[in-house]
Amino acid sequence: MRRIILITGGQRSGKSQQAEQLALSLSATPVYLATAHIWDDEFRERVRKHQERRGPQWTNIEEEKLLSQHDVTGRVVVIDCVTLWLTNFFFENNDVDQTLETVRDEFDRFTSQDATFIFVTNEIGSGGVSEHAIQRKFTDLEGWMNQYIAAAADEVILMVSGIPLKVK
């Protein structure tokens, strides 16, 4: 039975750990679908720490864009994270409308599978308004995509200082 869960919150709020714990409570052999593009050494180290935290029971998939090309039928899959996934599309053209249409279509294709999807995302629009136009565009994109996923989700969890708050 298809199920979509969205876990959102600020940086270092405990989103990824919550998603991993939830996945392990639902499956002995979950899938971790990482959307990150490794930009620099600091980020490479973050990725390494995330991988180290997970044990051998995880199936790890690295996929920057085309989530739907992976068959996860019958599995519990953590998608970490929507923010980086959007970044991989957005920086090709910096067009919010085109990117939003593309990622919505990809999301719909991917989540049409009979699986449990746990999406991790960031609430980047909770702070002040950026003085940089490109950041404002990306914040809009992320906010609209988060709303799209939340509308489709069976459950939404907001992480605050490591504490999960059920929103939906």
C-alpha atoms as a PDB file:
ATOM      1  CA  MET A   1       0.000   0.000   0.000  1.00  0.00           C
ATOM      2  CA  ARG A   2       1.450   3.362  -1.054  1.00  0.00           C
ATOM      3  CA  ARG A   3       2.218   5.791   1.743  1.00  0.00           C
ATOM      4  CA  ILE A   4       3.906   9.209   1.637  1.00  0.00           C
ATOM      5  CA  ILE A   5       5.447  10.836   4.693  1.00  0.00           C
ATOM      6  CA  LEU A   6       7.054  14.292   4.668  1.00  0.00           C
ATOM      7  CA  ILE A   7       9.545  15.274   7.373  1.00  0.00           C
ATOM      8  CA  THR A   8      10.394  18.969   7.383  1.00  0.00           C
ATOM      9  CA  GLY A   9      12.233  21.448   9.592  1.00  0.00           C
ATOM     10  CA  GLY A  10      15.254  23.689   9.810  1.00  0.00           C
ATOM     11  CA  GLN A  11      18.900  22.766   9.411  1.00  0.00           C
ATOM     12  CA  ARG A  12      20.157  20.382  12.100  1.00  0.00           C
ATOM     13  CA  SER A  13      16.641  19.897  13.479  1.00  0.00           C
ATOM     14  CA  GLY A  14      16.933  16.091  13.411  1.00  0.00           C
ATOM     15  CA  LYS A  15      15.057  15.443  10.154  1.00  0.00           C
ATOM     16  CA  SER A  16      17.357  12.780   8.716  1.00  0.00           C
ATOM     17  CA  GLN A  17      17.693  10.845  11.960  1.00  0.00           C
ATOM     18  CA  GLN A  18      13.912  10.908  12.428  1.00  0.00           C
ATOM     19  CA  ALA A  19      13.423   9.635   8.884  1.00  0.00           C
ATOM     20  CA  GLU A  20      15.965   6.859   9.375  1.00  0.00           C
ATOM     21  CA  GLN A  21      14.449   5.762  12.702  1.00  0.00           C
ATOM     22  CA  LEU A  22      10.969   5.754  11.189  1.00  0.00           C
ATOM     23  CA  ALA A  23      12.162   3.726   8.189  1.00  0.00           C
ATOM     24  CA  LEU A  24      13.837   1.165  10.438  1.00  0.00           C
ATOM     25  CA  SER A  25      10.638   0.871  12.502  1.00  0.00           C
ATOM     26  CA  LEU A  26       8.766   0.009   9.291  1.00  0.00           C
ATOM     27  CA  SER A  27      11.341  -2.247   7.592  1.00  0.00           C
ATOM     28  CA  ALA A  28      14.383  -4.313   8.531  1.00  0.00           C
ATOM     29  CA  THR A  29      15.908  -3.459   5.144  1.00  0.00           C
ATOM     30  CA  PRO A  30      14.992   0.097   4.125  1.00  0.00           C
ATOM     31  CA  VAL A  31      16.288   2.034   1.123  1.00  0.00           C
ATOM     32  CA  TYR A  32      18.192   5.292   1.454  1.00  0.00           C
ATOM     33  CA  LEU A  33      17.919   7.382  -1.708  1.00  0.00           C
ATOM     34  CA  ALA A  34      20.448  10.221  -1.509  1.00  0.00           C
ATOM     35  CA  THR A  35      19.890  13.157  -3.861  1.00  0.00           C
ATOM     36  CA  ALA A  36      23.053  15.075  -2.983  1.00  0.00           C
ATOM     37  CA  HIS A  37      25.542  16.362  -5.488  1.00  0.00           C
ATOM     38  CA  ILE A  38      28.906  16.589  -3.744  1.00  0.00           C
ATOM     39  CA  TRP A  39      29.931  20.245  -4.134  1.00  0.00           C
ATOM     40  CA  ASP A  40      32.982  20.408  -1.828  1.00  0.00           C
ATOM     41  CA  ASP A  41      35.030  18.629   0.849  1.00  0.00           C
ATOM     42  CA  GLU A  42      32.883  19.856   3.733  1.00  0.00           C
ATOM     43  CA  PHE A  43      29.767  18.417   2.128  1.00  0.00           C
ATOM     44  CA  ARG A  44      31.604  15.194   1.271  1.00  0.00           C
ATOM     45  CA  GLU A  45      32.332  14.839   4.996  1.00  0.00           C
ATOM     46  CA  ARG A  46      28.641  15.375   5.865  1.00  0.00           C
ATOM     47  CA  VAL A  47      27.691  12.618   3.450  1.00  0.00           C
ATOM     48  CA  ARG A  48      30.321  10.305   4.920  1.00  0.00           C
ATOM     49  CA  LYS A  49      28.949  10.860   8.436  1.00  0.00           C
ATOM     50  CA  HIS A  50      25.410  10.119   7.264  1.00  0.00           C
ATOM     51  CA  GLN A  51      26.586   6.891   5.595  1.00  0.00           C
ATOM     52  CA  GLU A  52      28.561   5.885   8.683  1.00  0.00           C
ATOM     53  CA  ARG A  53      25.480   6.327  10.879  1.00  0.00           C
ATOM     54  CA  ARG A  54      23.500   3.864   8.764  1.00  0.00           C
ATOM     55  CA  GLY A  55      24.238   0.179   9.020  1.00  0.00           C
ATOM     56  CA  PRO A  56      24.493  -2.645   6.488  1.00  0.00           C
ATOM     57  CA  GLN A  57      20.724  -3.252   6.520  1.00  0.00           C
ATOM     58  CA  TRP A  58      20.280  -0.201   4.280  1.00  0.00           C
ATOM     59  CA  THR A  59      20.228  -0.321   0.487  1.00  0.00           C
ATOM     60  CA  ASN A  60      21.925   2.914  -0.585  1.00  0.00           C
ATOM     61  CA  ILE A  61      21.083   4.586  -3.886  1.00  0.00           C
ATOM     62  CA  GLU A  62      22.722   7.785  -5.110  1.00  0.00           C
ATOM     63  CA  GLU A  63      20.421   9.663  -7.507  1.00  0.00           C
ATOM     64  CA  GLU A  64      20.588  13.394  -8.117  1.00  0.00           C
ATOM     65  CA  LYS A  65      17.488  13.762 -10.290  1.00  0.00           C
ATOM     66  CA  LEU A  66      15.574  10.850 -11.798  1.00  0.00           C
ATOM     67  CA  LEU A  67      14.120   9.157  -8.739  1.00  0.00           C
ATOM     68  CA  SER A  68      11.513   7.370 -10.836  1.00  0.00           C
ATOM     69  CA  GLN A  69      14.108   5.282 -12.648  1.00  0.00           C
ATOM     70  CA  HIS A  70      14.520   3.260  -9.446  1.00  0.00           C
ATOM     71  CA  ASP A  71      12.044   0.489  -8.671  1.00  0.00           C
ATOM     72  CA  VAL A  72      11.314   0.617  -4.944  1.00  0.00           C
ATOM     73  CA  THR A  73       8.049  -1.329  -5.085  1.00  0.00           C
ATOM     74  CA  GLY A  74       7.247  -2.930  -1.752  1.00  0.00           C
ATOM     75  CA  ARG A  75      10.074  -1.079   0.014  1.00  0.00           C
ATOM     76  CA  VAL A  76      10.379   1.662   2.604  1.00  0.00           C
ATOM     77  CA  VAL A  77      12.513   4.429   1.125  1.00  0.00           C
ATOM     78  CA  VAL A  78      13.976   7.580   2.671  1.00  0.00           C
ATOM     79  CA  ILE A  79      14.536  10.344   0.119  1.00  0.00           C
ATOM     80  CA  ASP A  80      17.098  12.737   1.572  1.00  0.00           C
ATOM     81  CA  CYS A  81      16.563  15.413   0.613  1.00  0.00           C
ATOM     82  CA  VAL A  82      14.076  17.438  -1.413  1.00  0.00           C
ATOM     83  CA  THR A  83      16.150  20.624  -1.065  1.00  0.00           C
ATOM     84  CA  LEU A  84      19.199  19.106  -2.744  1.00  0.00           C
ATOM     85  CA  TRP A  85      17.029  17.338  -5.318  1.00  0.00           C
ATOM     86  CA  LEU A  86      15.455  20.673  -6.310  1.00  0.00           C
ATOM     87  CA  THR A  87      18.885  22.308  -6.426  1.00  0.00           C
ATOM     88  CA  ASN A  88      20.053  19.741  -8.981  1.00  0.00           C
ATOM     89  CA  PHE A  89      17.236  20.781 -11.339  1.00  0.00           C
ATOM     90  CA  PHE A  90      17.060  24.505 -10.558  1.00  0.00           C
ATOM     91  CA  PHE A  91      20.667  25.340 -11.313  1.00  0.00           C
ATOM     92  CA  GLU A  92      20.285  24.092 -14.872  1.00  0.00           C
ATOM     93  CA  ASN A  93      17.994  26.975 -15.809  1.00  0.00           C
ATOM     94  CA  ASN A  94      17.077  29.109 -12.744  1.00  0.00           C
ATOM     95  CA  ASP A  95      13.464  29.041 -13.945  1.00  0.00           C
ATOM     96  CA  VAL A  96      11.052  28.434 -11.075  1.00  0.00           C
ATOM     97  CA  ASP A  97       7.992  27.546 -13.168  1.00  0.00           C
ATOM     98  CA  GLN A  98       9.819  25.131 -15.453  1.00  0.00           C
ATOM     99  CA  THR A  99      11.639  23.473 -12.564  1.00  0.00           C
ATOM    100  CA  LEU A 100       8.448  23.149 -10.533  1.00  0.00           C
ATOM    101  CA  GLU A 101       6.643  21.485 -13.431  1.00  0.00           C
ATOM    102  CA  THR A 102       9.549  19.080 -14.000  1.00  0.00           C
ATOM    103  CA  VAL A 103       9.920  18.052 -10.358  1.00  0.00           C
ATOM    104  CA  ARG A 104       6.180  17.679  -9.806  1.00  0.00           C
ATOM    105  CA  ASP A 105       6.028  15.297 -12.779  1.00  0.00           C
ATOM    106  CA  GLU A 106       9.043  13.364 -11.503  1.00  0.00           C
ATOM    107  CA  PHE A 107       7.561  13.210  -7.983  1.00  0.00           C
ATOM    108  CA  ASP A 108       4.269  11.879  -9.373  1.00  0.00           C
ATOM    109  CA  ARG A 109       6.034   9.198 -11.463  1.00  0.00           C
ATOM    110  CA  PHE A 110       8.205   8.115  -8.549  1.00  0.00           C
ATOM    111  CA  THR A 111       5.429   7.989  -5.954  1.00  0.00           C
ATOM    112  CA  SER A 112       3.086   6.069  -8.260  1.00  0.00           C
ATOM    113  CA  GLN A 113       4.922   2.953  -7.072  1.00  0.00           C
ATOM    114  CA  ASP A 114       3.441   0.845  -4.284  1.00  0.00           C
ATOM    115  CA  ALA A 115       5.946   1.740  -1.566  1.00  0.00           C
ATOM    116  CA  THR A 116       6.379   3.789   1.585  1.00  0.00           C
ATOM    117  CA  PHE A 117       8.118   7.083   0.794  1.00  0.00           C
ATOM    118  CA  ILE A 118       9.691   9.197   3.539  1.00  0.00           C
ATOM    119  CA  PHE A 119      10.719  12.557   2.079  1.00  0.00           C
ATOM    120  CA  VAL A 120      13.080  14.828   4.020  1.00  0.00           C
ATOM    121  CA  THR A 121      12.960  18.551   3.255  1.00  0.00           C
ATOM    122  CA  ASN A 122      13.948  21.925   4.696  1.00  0.00           C
ATOM    123  CA  GLU A 123      11.823  24.870   5.748  1.00  0.00           C
ATOM    124  CA  ILE A 124      14.102  27.461   4.176  1.00  0.00           C
ATOM    125  CA  GLY A 125      11.398  30.128   3.956  1.00  0.00           C
ATOM    126  CA  SER A 126      11.035  30.485   7.715  1.00  0.00           C
ATOM    127  CA  GLY A 127      13.823  33.046   7.996  1.00  0.00           C
ATOM    128  CA  GLY A 128      14.168  36.519   6.572  1.00  0.00           C
ATOM    129  CA  VAL A 129      13.835  37.431   2.919  1.00  0.00           C
ATOM    130  CA  SER A 130      17.143  37.129   1.075  1.00  0.00           C
ATOM    131  CA  GLU A 131      18.663  40.151  -0.634  1.00  0.00           C
ATOM    132  CA  HIS A 132      19.680  37.857  -3.505  1.00  0.00           C
ATOM    133  CA  ALA A 133      17.127  37.307  -6.285  1.00  0.00           C
ATOM    134  CA  ILE A 134      18.289  33.755  -7.041  1.00  0.00           C
ATOM    135  CA  GLN A 135      17.845  32.753  -3.382  1.00  0.00           C
ATOM    136  CA  ARG A 136      14.364  34.281  -3.303  1.00  0.00           C
ATOM    137  CA  LYS A 137      13.455  32.280  -6.420  1.00  0.00           C
ATOM    138  CA  PHE A 138      14.772  29.067  -4.895  1.00  0.00           C
ATOM    139  CA  THR A 139      12.936  29.718  -1.625  1.00  0.00           C
ATOM    140  CA  ASP A 140       9.703  30.121  -3.604  1.00  0.00           C
ATOM    141  CA  LEU A 141      10.407  26.899  -5.518  1.00  0.00           C
ATOM    142  CA  GLU A 142      11.098  24.934  -2.349  1.00  0.00           C
ATOM    143  CA  GLY A 143       8.051  26.318  -0.582  1.00  0.00           C
ATOM    144  CA  TRP A 144       5.748  25.409  -3.465  1.00  0.00           C
ATOM    145  CA  MET A 145       7.250  21.929  -3.828  1.00  0.00           C
ATOM    146  CA  ASN A 146       7.003  21.316  -0.090  1.00  0.00           C
ATOM    147  CA  GLN A 147       3.316  22.269  -0.304  1.00  0.00           C
ATOM    148  CA  TYR A 148       2.849  19.892  -3.248  1.00  0.00           C
ATOM    149  CA  ILE A 149       4.414  16.976  -1.365  1.00  0.00           C
ATOM    150  CA  ALA A 150       2.550  17.828   1.850  1.00  0.00           C
ATOM    151  CA  ALA A 151      -0.768  17.851  -0.008  1.00  0.00           C
ATOM    152  CA  ALA A 152      -0.042  14.354  -1.338  1.00  0.00           C
ATOM    153  CA  ALA A 153       1.337  13.105   1.978  1.00  0.00           C
ATOM    154  CA  ASP A 154      -0.497  10.844   4.376  1.00  0.00           C
ATOM    155  CA  GLU A 155       1.570  12.269   7.215  1.00  0.00           C
ATOM    156  CA  VAL A 156       3.657  15.431   7.755  1.00  0.00           C
ATOM    157  CA  ILE A 157       6.131  15.785  10.626  1.00  0.00           C
ATOM    158  CA  LEU A 158       7.806  19.065  11.608  1.00  0.00           C
ATOM    159  CA  MET A 159      11.109  18.677  13.432  1.00  0.00           C
ATOM    160  CA  VAL A 160      11.915  21.321  16.070  1.00  0.00           C
ATOM    161  CA  SER A 161      15.160  20.947  18.055  1.00  0.00           C
ATOM    162  CA  GLY A 162      15.139  17.180  17.593  1.00  0.00           C
ATOM    163  CA  ILE A 163      11.485  16.804  18.576  1.00  0.00           C
ATOM    164  CA  PRO A 164       8.985  15.514  16.013  1.00  0.00           C
ATOM    165  CA  LEU A 165       5.671  17.375  15.872  1.00  0.00           C
ATOM    166  CA  LYS A 166       2.872  15.751  13.886  1.00  0.00           C
ATOM    167  CA  VAL A 167       1.339  18.334  11.539  1.00  0.00           C
ATOM    168  CA  LYS A 168      -0.819  16.043   9.404  1.00  0.00           C
END
